[in-house]
Amino acid sequence: MGTITISLSDEVEKKLREVAKTKFGNSKGAISKVIESALKSYFSQLEGEEIVFRAYKDKKLVAEAKSLEDLAKILREKGVDARDVEIVSTKQLKPIVRRGWR
């Protein structure tokens, strides 16, 4: 494991600390976890990798898959209810917009 020292603007540092506290609480290494997750996502975008979906339960990684269908299958096999997890993708998906009467 390596150590890197970086400088951030006050605005970015404040936002980083807020996200780390929200996602991982006051645990030791929370900021490192956020940075590592963000860098992995960024590297996958640079390399043109497919979208990866990750399921987290109680801030711990439960499952990972290349499609939502595969992720649902893995969760079923592990006996985890999909409504009990937070699903995150490495690439932001466009929301589906519907208009008209339903």
N, C-alpha and C. Protein backbone atom coordinates (compact mmCIF):
# COMPACT_ATOMS: atom_id res chain seq x y z
N MET A 1 0.86 -1.16 0.00
CA MET A 1 0.00 0.00 0.00
C MET A 1 0.90 1.22 0.00
N GLY A 2 0.61 2.16 -0.90
CA GLY A 2 1.41 3.36 -1.00
C GLY A 2 0.77 4.55 -0.31
N THR A 3 1.58 5.57 -0.08
CA THR A 3 1.10 6.80 0.53
C THR A 3 1.39 7.94 -0.43
N ILE A 4 0.38 8.75 -0.70
CA ILE A 4 0.51 9.89 -1.61
C ILE A 4 0.03 11.13 -0.87
N THR A 5 0.78 12.20 -0.97
CA THR A 5 0.38 13.46 -0.37
C THR A 5 -0.11 14.38 -1.49
N ILE A 6 -1.32 14.91 -1.33
CA ILE A 6 -1.89 15.78 -2.36
C ILE A 6 -2.39 17.07 -1.73
N SER A 7 -2.58 18.09 -2.55
CA SER A 7 -3.15 19.36 -2.11
C SER A 7 -4.48 19.56 -2.79
N LEU A 8 -5.50 19.93 -2.03
CA LEU A 8 -6.83 20.18 -2.56
C LEU A 8 -7.28 21.57 -2.16
N SER A 9 -8.16 22.14 -2.97
CA SER A 9 -8.74 23.42 -2.59
C SER A 9 -9.62 23.21 -1.36
N ASP A 10 -9.87 24.26 -0.62
CA ASP A 10 -10.69 24.15 0.59
C ASP A 10 -12.08 23.62 0.27
N GLU A 11 -12.63 24.05 -0.85
CA GLU A 11 -13.98 23.62 -1.26
C GLU A 11 -14.02 22.11 -1.52
N VAL A 12 -13.03 21.60 -2.25
CA VAL A 12 -12.98 20.17 -2.56
C VAL A 12 -12.72 19.35 -1.30
N GLU A 13 -11.83 19.84 -0.45
CA GLU A 13 -11.55 19.13 0.80
C GLU A 13 -12.79 19.02 1.67
N LYS A 14 -13.54 20.11 1.77
CA LYS A 14 -14.76 20.11 2.59
C LYS A 14 -15.77 19.10 2.05
N LYS A 15 -15.97 19.09 0.72
CA LYS A 15 -16.89 18.16 0.09
C LYS A 15 -16.42 16.72 0.28
N LEU A 16 -15.12 16.47 0.14
CA LEU A 16 -14.56 15.14 0.33
C LEU A 16 -14.83 14.64 1.74
N ARG A 17 -14.62 15.47 2.72
CA ARG A 17 -14.84 15.08 4.12
C ARG A 17 -16.33 14.81 4.38
N GLU A 18 -17.21 15.60 3.77
CA GLU A 18 -18.66 15.38 3.92
C GLU A 18 -19.06 14.02 3.33
N VAL A 19 -18.56 13.74 2.13
CA VAL A 19 -18.90 12.48 1.47
C VAL A 19 -18.36 11.30 2.27
N ALA A 20 -17.12 11.40 2.75
CA ALA A 20 -16.51 10.32 3.53
C ALA A 20 -17.30 10.07 4.81
N LYS A 21 -17.71 11.14 5.47
CA LYS A 21 -18.46 10.99 6.72
C LYS A 21 -19.84 10.38 6.45
N THR A 22 -20.49 10.82 5.38
CA THR A 22 -21.81 10.30 5.04
C THR A 22 -21.74 8.82 4.66
N LYS A 23 -20.75 8.47 3.84
CA LYS A 23 -20.67 7.12 3.30
C LYS A 23 -20.06 6.11 4.28
N PHE A 24 -19.03 6.52 5.03
CA PHE A 24 -18.31 5.59 5.88
C PHE A 24 -18.29 5.98 7.36
N GLY A 25 -18.93 7.08 7.71
CA GLY A 25 -18.94 7.51 9.10
C GLY A 25 -17.59 8.07 9.50
N ASN A 26 -17.31 8.05 10.78
CA ASN A 26 -16.05 8.59 11.29
C ASN A 26 -14.97 7.52 11.40
N SER A 27 -15.11 6.45 10.64
CA SER A 27 -14.14 5.36 10.73
C SER A 27 -12.78 5.79 10.18
N LYS A 28 -11.76 5.14 10.69
CA LYS A 28 -10.40 5.41 10.23
C LYS A 28 -10.27 4.96 8.77
N GLY A 29 -9.71 5.80 7.94
CA GLY A 29 -9.51 5.45 6.54
C GLY A 29 -10.68 5.77 5.63
N ALA A 30 -11.68 6.49 6.14
CA ALA A 30 -12.86 6.81 5.35
C ALA A 30 -12.51 7.63 4.11
N ILE A 31 -11.66 8.61 4.28
CA ILE A 31 -11.26 9.46 3.15
C ILE A 31 -10.51 8.64 2.11
N SER A 32 -9.63 7.75 2.57
CA SER A 32 -8.88 6.89 1.64
C SER A 32 -9.82 6.00 0.83
N LYS A 33 -10.86 5.49 1.48
CA LYS A 33 -11.82 4.63 0.79
C LYS A 33 -12.56 5.40 -0.30
N VAL A 34 -12.96 6.64 0.00
CA VAL A 34 -13.66 7.46 -0.99
C VAL A 34 -12.74 7.76 -2.17
N ILE A 35 -11.50 8.15 -1.88
CA ILE A 35 -10.54 8.48 -2.93
C ILE A 35 -10.26 7.24 -3.80
N GLU A 36 -10.05 6.09 -3.17
CA GLU A 36 -9.76 4.87 -3.92
C GLU A 36 -10.93 4.49 -4.82
N SER A 37 -12.14 4.59 -4.30
CA SER A 37 -13.33 4.27 -5.09
C SER A 37 -13.46 5.23 -6.28
N ALA A 38 -13.23 6.51 -6.03
CA ALA A 38 -13.32 7.51 -7.10
C ALA A 38 -12.26 7.27 -8.17
N LEU A 39 -11.05 6.94 -7.75
CA LEU A 39 -9.98 6.70 -8.72
C LEU A 39 -10.24 5.44 -9.54
N LYS A 40 -10.73 4.39 -8.92
CA LYS A 40 -11.07 3.18 -9.66
C LYS A 40 -12.12 3.48 -10.73
N SER A 41 -13.12 4.25 -10.35
CA SER A 41 -14.17 4.62 -11.30
C SER A 41 -13.58 5.45 -12.45
N TYR A 42 -12.72 6.39 -12.11
CA TYR A 42 -12.09 7.25 -13.12
C TYR A 42 -11.21 6.43 -14.07
N PHE A 43 -10.42 5.51 -13.51
CA PHE A 43 -9.54 4.68 -14.34
C PHE A 43 -10.35 3.80 -15.28
N SER A 44 -11.46 3.29 -14.81
CA SER A 44 -12.28 2.44 -15.68
C SER A 44 -12.88 3.26 -16.82
N GLN A 45 -13.18 4.53 -16.57
CA GLN A 45 -13.67 5.40 -17.64
C GLN A 45 -12.56 5.64 -18.66
N LEU A 46 -11.35 5.89 -18.19
CA LEU A 46 -10.23 6.14 -19.09
C LEU A 46 -9.92 4.94 -19.96
N GLU A 47 -10.02 3.76 -19.38
CA GLU A 47 -9.71 2.54 -20.11
C GLU A 47 -10.86 2.08 -20.98
N GLY A 48 -12.00 2.75 -20.91
CA GLY A 48 -13.14 2.38 -21.72
C GLY A 48 -13.79 1.09 -21.29
N GLU A 49 -13.64 0.74 -20.03
CA GLU A 49 -14.24 -0.49 -19.53
C GLU A 49 -15.76 -0.37 -19.51
N GLU A 50 -16.39 -1.52 -19.43
CA GLU A 50 -17.85 -1.53 -19.32
C GLU A 50 -18.26 -1.02 -17.95
N ILE A 51 -19.52 -0.74 -17.83
CA ILE A 51 -20.06 -0.29 -16.56
C ILE A 51 -20.04 -1.46 -15.58
N VAL A 52 -19.64 -1.17 -14.36
CA VAL A 52 -19.65 -2.17 -13.30
C VAL A 52 -20.62 -1.70 -12.23
N PHE A 53 -21.48 -2.61 -11.81
CA PHE A 53 -22.45 -2.30 -10.76
C PHE A 53 -21.99 -2.96 -9.48
N ARG A 54 -22.01 -2.19 -8.38
CA ARG A 54 -21.59 -2.71 -7.08
C ARG A 54 -22.74 -2.54 -6.10
N ALA A 55 -22.95 -3.56 -5.27
CA ALA A 55 -23.99 -3.51 -4.25
C ALA A 55 -23.32 -3.44 -2.88
N TYR A 56 -23.71 -2.43 -2.09
CA TYR A 56 -23.16 -2.24 -0.75
C TYR A 56 -24.28 -2.42 0.28
N LYS A 57 -23.96 -3.13 1.35
CA LYS A 57 -24.88 -3.28 2.47
C LYS A 57 -24.12 -2.92 3.73
N ASP A 58 -24.64 -1.98 4.47
CA ASP A 58 -23.97 -1.49 5.67
C ASP A 58 -22.54 -1.03 5.35
N LYS A 59 -22.41 -0.34 4.22
CA LYS A 59 -21.15 0.25 3.77
C LYS A 59 -20.08 -0.78 3.42
N LYS A 60 -20.48 -2.05 3.22
CA LYS A 60 -19.54 -3.10 2.83
C LYS A 60 -19.97 -3.65 1.47
N LEU A 61 -18.99 -3.92 0.61
CA LEU A 61 -19.26 -4.46 -0.71
C LEU A 61 -19.82 -5.87 -0.59
N VAL A 62 -21.00 -6.09 -1.16
CA VAL A 62 -21.65 -7.40 -1.10
C VAL A 62 -21.48 -8.15 -2.41
N ALA A 63 -21.64 -7.42 -3.54
CA ALA A 63 -21.56 -8.08 -4.84
C ALA A 63 -21.14 -7.08 -5.90
N GLU A 64 -20.64 -7.60 -7.02
CA GLU A 64 -20.19 -6.76 -8.12
C GLU A 64 -20.47 -7.51 -9.42
N ALA A 65 -20.98 -6.80 -10.44
CA ALA A 65 -21.29 -7.44 -11.72
C ALA A 65 -21.27 -6.43 -12.85
N LYS A 66 -21.23 -6.94 -14.08
CA LYS A 66 -21.19 -6.09 -15.27
C LYS A 66 -22.57 -5.62 -15.71
N SER A 67 -23.63 -6.25 -15.20
CA SER A 67 -24.99 -5.83 -15.55
C SER A 67 -25.88 -5.94 -14.32
N LEU A 68 -26.98 -5.22 -14.37
CA LEU A 68 -27.92 -5.28 -13.24
C LEU A 68 -28.54 -6.66 -13.10
N GLU A 69 -28.76 -7.33 -14.22
CA GLU A 69 -29.33 -8.67 -14.17
C GLU A 69 -28.37 -9.63 -13.46
N ASP A 70 -27.09 -9.54 -13.80
CA ASP A 70 -26.09 -10.40 -13.15
C ASP A 70 -25.97 -10.07 -11.66
N LEU A 71 -26.04 -8.78 -11.35
CA LEU A 71 -25.96 -8.37 -9.96
C LEU A 71 -27.15 -8.92 -9.17
N ALA A 72 -28.35 -8.85 -9.76
CA ALA A 72 -29.54 -9.38 -9.10
C ALA A 72 -29.41 -10.88 -8.87
N LYS A 73 -28.84 -11.59 -9.85
CA LYS A 73 -28.65 -13.04 -9.72
C LYS A 73 -27.68 -13.36 -8.58
N ILE A 74 -26.59 -12.63 -8.50
CA ILE A 74 -25.61 -12.84 -7.44
C ILE A 74 -26.23 -12.57 -6.07
N LEU A 75 -27.00 -11.49 -5.99
CA LEU A 75 -27.65 -11.15 -4.72
C LEU A 75 -28.63 -12.24 -4.30
N ARG A 76 -29.40 -12.77 -5.28
CA ARG A 76 -30.33 -13.86 -4.97
C ARG A 76 -29.59 -15.08 -4.45
N GLU A 77 -28.48 -15.42 -5.12
CA GLU A 77 -27.69 -16.58 -4.70
C GLU A 77 -27.13 -16.42 -3.29
N LYS A 78 -26.80 -15.18 -2.92
CA LYS A 78 -26.28 -14.92 -1.58
C LYS A 78 -27.38 -14.74 -0.55
N GLY A 79 -28.62 -14.71 -1.01
CA GLY A 79 -29.75 -14.53 -0.10
C GLY A 79 -29.90 -13.11 0.41
N VAL A 80 -29.46 -12.14 -0.39
CA VAL A 80 -29.54 -10.74 -0.02
C VAL A 80 -30.67 -10.08 -0.80
N ASP A 81 -31.56 -9.38 -0.10
CA ASP A 81 -32.67 -8.68 -0.74
C ASP A 81 -32.13 -7.42 -1.41
N ALA A 82 -32.44 -7.23 -2.68
CA ALA A 82 -31.95 -6.08 -3.44
C ALA A 82 -32.43 -4.75 -2.85
N ARG A 83 -33.53 -4.77 -2.12
CA ARG A 83 -34.04 -3.54 -1.50
C ARG A 83 -33.24 -3.13 -0.27
N ASP A 84 -32.38 -4.03 0.21
CA ASP A 84 -31.59 -3.75 1.41
C ASP A 84 -30.19 -3.25 1.09
N VAL A 85 -29.86 -3.10 -0.20
CA VAL A 85 -28.51 -2.69 -0.58
C VAL A 85 -28.54 -1.38 -1.34
N GLU A 86 -27.40 -0.72 -1.36
CA GLU A 86 -27.22 0.49 -2.18
C GLU A 86 -26.44 0.05 -3.41
N ILE A 87 -27.00 0.32 -4.60
CA ILE A 87 -26.35 -0.09 -5.84
C ILE A 87 -25.72 1.14 -6.49
N VAL A 88 -24.43 1.00 -6.81
CA VAL A 88 -23.66 2.09 -7.40
C VAL A 88 -23.06 1.60 -8.70
N SER A 89 -23.04 2.47 -9.72
CA SER A 89 -22.41 2.09 -10.99
C SER A 89 -21.17 2.94 -11.21
N THR A 90 -20.23 2.41 -11.99
CA THR A 90 -18.99 3.14 -12.26
C THR A 90 -19.21 4.27 -13.26
N LYS A 91 -20.33 4.21 -13.96
CA LYS A 91 -20.65 5.26 -14.92
C LYS A 91 -22.07 5.74 -14.64
N GLN A 92 -22.24 7.04 -14.62
CA GLN A 92 -23.56 7.58 -14.33
C GLN A 92 -24.51 7.26 -15.49
N LEU A 93 -25.65 6.70 -15.15
CA LEU A 93 -26.64 6.34 -16.15
C LEU A 93 -27.61 7.49 -16.37
N LYS A 94 -28.09 7.62 -17.59
CA LYS A 94 -29.07 8.66 -17.89
C LYS A 94 -30.42 8.24 -17.33
N PRO A 95 -31.12 9.16 -16.68
CA PRO A 95 -32.44 8.79 -16.16
C PRO A 95 -33.44 8.59 -17.29
N ILE A 96 -34.41 7.71 -17.06
CA ILE A 96 -35.46 7.48 -18.03
C ILE A 96 -36.54 8.52 -17.80
N VAL A 97 -36.86 9.25 -18.86
CA VAL A 97 -37.88 10.29 -18.74
C VAL A 97 -39.10 9.85 -19.54
N ARG A 98 -40.22 9.84 -18.86
CA ARG A 98 -41.47 9.45 -19.53
C ARG A 98 -42.43 10.62 -19.47
N ARG A 99 -43.21 10.75 -20.54
CA ARG A 99 -44.19 11.82 -20.58
C ARG A 99 -45.54 11.24 -20.97
N GLY A 100 -46.56 11.97 -20.65
CA GLY A 100 -47.90 11.55 -21.05
C GLY A 100 -48.63 10.80 -19.96
N TRP A 101 -49.84 10.42 -20.28
CA TRP A 101 -50.68 9.72 -19.32
C TRP A 101 -50.28 8.27 -19.21
N ARG A 102 -50.41 7.76 -18.00
CA ARG A 102 -50.13 6.33 -17.78
C ARG A 102 -51.30 5.69 -17.12
